[in-house]
C-alpha atoms as a PDB file:
ATOM      1  CA  MET A   1      -8.752  -4.578  -7.230  1.00  0.00           C
ATOM      2  CA  ALA A   2     -10.643  -4.103 -10.479  1.00  0.00           C
ATOM      3  CA  THR A   3     -12.960  -1.119 -10.858  1.00  0.00           C
ATOM      4  CA  ALA A   4     -16.118  -0.609 -12.894  1.00  0.00           C
ATOM      5  CA  ASP A   5     -14.268   1.828 -15.187  1.00  0.00           C
ATOM      6  CA  GLY A   6     -11.679  -0.831 -16.106  1.00  0.00           C
ATOM      7  CA  ARG A   7      -8.805   0.194 -13.816  1.00  0.00           C
ATOM      8  CA  VAL A   8      -6.742  -2.386 -11.975  1.00  0.00           C
ATOM      9  CA  LEU A   9      -5.330  -1.044  -8.713  1.00  0.00           C
ATOM     10  CA  THR A  10      -2.625  -2.713  -6.653  1.00  0.00           C
ATOM     11  CA  GLY A  11      -1.639  -1.889  -3.117  1.00  0.00           C
ATOM     12  CA  ILE A  12      -1.971  -2.656   0.552  1.00  0.00           C
ATOM     13  CA  LEU A  13      -5.495  -2.633   1.945  1.00  0.00           C
ATOM     14  CA  LYS A  14      -5.706   0.126   4.549  1.00  0.00           C
ATOM     15  CA  SER A  15      -9.459   0.348   5.134  1.00  0.00           C
ATOM     16  CA  ASP A  16     -12.513  -1.742   4.285  1.00  0.00           C
ATOM     17  CA  THR A  17     -15.764  -0.071   5.288  1.00  0.00           C
ATOM     18  CA  PRO A  18     -19.307  -0.705   4.054  1.00  0.00           C
ATOM     19  CA  GLU A  19     -18.916   2.379   1.842  1.00  0.00           C
ATOM     20  CA  ALA A  20     -15.418   2.117   0.378  1.00  0.00           C
ATOM     21  CA  LEU A  21     -12.051   0.423   0.137  1.00  0.00           C
ATOM     22  CA  GLU A  22      -8.818   2.334   0.677  1.00  0.00           C
ATOM     23  CA  ILE A  23      -5.506   1.003  -0.548  1.00  0.00           C
ATOM     24  CA  GLN A  24      -2.011   2.418  -0.328  1.00  0.00           C
ATOM     25  CA  ASP A  25      -0.095   2.083  -3.587  1.00  0.00           C
ATOM     26  CA  VAL A  26       3.656   1.604  -4.070  1.00  0.00           C
ATOM     27  CA  ASP A  27       4.142   5.399  -3.977  1.00  0.00           C
ATOM     28  CA  ALA A  28       2.481   5.494  -0.517  1.00  0.00           C
ATOM     29  CA  LYS A  29      -0.503   7.300  -2.027  1.00  0.00           C
ATOM     30  CA  THR A  30      -3.901   6.376  -0.546  1.00  0.00           C
ATOM     31  CA  ILE A  31      -6.578   5.574  -3.086  1.00  0.00           C
ATOM     32  CA  ARG A  32     -10.241   5.451  -2.015  1.00  0.00           C
ATOM     33  CA  VAL A  33     -12.703   3.535  -4.166  1.00  0.00           C
ATOM     34  CA  PRO A  34     -16.434   3.439  -3.386  1.00  0.00           C
ATOM     35  CA  LYS A  35     -17.588  -0.179  -3.010  1.00  0.00           C
ATOM     36  CA  THR A  36     -20.179   0.378  -5.727  1.00  0.00           C
ATOM     37  CA  ASP A  37     -17.262   0.920  -8.166  1.00  0.00           C
ATOM     38  CA  VAL A  38     -15.395  -2.279  -7.192  1.00  0.00           C
ATOM     39  CA  GLU A  39     -15.833  -5.044  -9.761  1.00  0.00           C
ATOM     40  CA  GLY A  40     -13.577  -7.536  -7.988  1.00  0.00           C
ATOM     41  CA  ARG A  41     -10.676  -7.909  -5.639  1.00  0.00           C
ATOM     42  CA  LYS A  42      -8.016 -10.516  -5.044  1.00  0.00           C
ATOM     43  CA  VAL A  43      -5.140 -11.073  -2.659  1.00  0.00           C
ATOM     44  CA  SER A  44      -1.883 -11.157  -4.572  1.00  0.00           C
ATOM     45  CA  ASP A  45       0.475 -14.077  -4.183  1.00  0.00           C
ATOM     46  CA  VAL A  46       3.514 -11.878  -4.909  1.00  0.00           C
ATOM     47  CA  SER A  47       5.110  -9.153  -2.831  1.00  0.00           C
ATOM     48  CA  ILE A  48       4.963  -5.513  -3.902  1.00  0.00           C
ATOM     49  CA  MET A  49       8.638  -5.255  -2.896  1.00  0.00           C
ATOM     50  CA  PRO A  50      10.735  -4.987  -6.065  1.00  0.00           C
ATOM     51  CA  THR A  51      12.540  -8.167  -7.088  1.00  0.00           C
ATOM     52  CA  GLY A  52      16.228  -8.135  -6.198  1.00  0.00           C
ATOM     53  CA  LEU A  53      15.922  -5.243  -3.761  1.00  0.00           C
ATOM     54  CA  ALA A  54      17.993  -6.991  -1.109  1.00  0.00           C
ATOM     55  CA  GLU A  55      20.791  -7.888  -3.517  1.00  0.00           C
ATOM     56  CA  GLY A  56      23.804  -5.698  -2.893  1.00  0.00           C
ATOM     57  CA  LEU A  57      22.653  -4.668   0.589  1.00  0.00           C
ATOM     58  CA  THR A  58      24.472  -5.746   3.707  1.00  0.00           C
ATOM     59  CA  LYS A  59      22.436  -7.604   6.321  1.00  0.00           C
ATOM     60  CA  GLN A  60      22.467  -4.452   8.454  1.00  0.00           C
ATOM     61  CA  ASP A  61      21.303  -2.234   5.571  1.00  0.00           C
ATOM     62  CA  PHE A  62      18.475  -4.660   4.817  1.00  0.00           C
ATOM     63  CA  ALA A  63      17.478  -4.772   8.506  1.00  0.00           C
ATOM     64  CA  ASP A  64      17.510  -0.938   8.573  1.00  0.00           C
ATOM     65  CA  LEU A  65      15.317  -0.834   5.460  1.00  0.00           C
ATOM     66  CA  ILE A  66      12.765  -3.193   6.991  1.00  0.00           C
ATOM     67  CA  ALA A  67      12.757  -1.193  10.243  1.00  0.00           C
ATOM     68  CA  PHE A  68      12.191   2.012   8.260  1.00  0.00           C
ATOM     69  CA  LEU A  69       9.301   0.484   6.302  1.00  0.00           C
ATOM     70  CA  GLU A  70       7.732  -0.863   9.494  1.00  0.00           C
ATOM     71  CA  GLY A  71       7.998   2.635  10.971  1.00  0.00           C
ATOM     72  CA  LEU A  72       6.059   4.058   8.030  1.00  0.00           C
ATOM     73  CA  LYS A  73       3.238   1.664   8.774  1.00  0.00           C
ATOM     74  CA  GLU A  74       3.015   2.901  12.358  1.00  0.00           C
ATOM     75  CA  ALA A  75       3.658   6.630  11.818  1.00  0.00           C
ATOM     76  CA  PRO A  76       0.690   8.827  12.756  1.00  0.00           C
ATOM     77  CA  SER A  77      -0.584  11.053   9.984  1.00  0.00           C
ATOM     78  CA  LYS A  78       0.057  14.785  10.327  1.00  0.00           C
ATOM     79  CA  PRO A  79      -2.827  17.241  10.063  1.00  0.00           C
ATOM     80  CA  ALA A  80      -2.900  19.644   7.108  1.00  0.00           C
ATOM     81  CA  GLY A  81      -0.469  22.496   7.576  1.00  0.00           C
ATOM     82  CA  GLY A  82       1.980  20.325   9.539  1.00  0.00           C
ATOM     83  CA  LYS A  83       0.739  21.438  12.958  1.00  0.00           C
END
């Protein structure tokens, strides 16, 4: 996504409302951008997974990694204060 102030943001689209877009970057940080600040957006044709990540992993380790990442996608967010 390109913003009016010249930033280019990359991540996974988490929310698209009439008011704003929210993406999750590679550090799992959610970034909210008001739609009025969005200059353009495009779907990437490359994965955000680092190249060569699977090299050196056993099939089981790679399967465990994918299961862990899928679990992050489904994990409910905790309220402030951890309660």
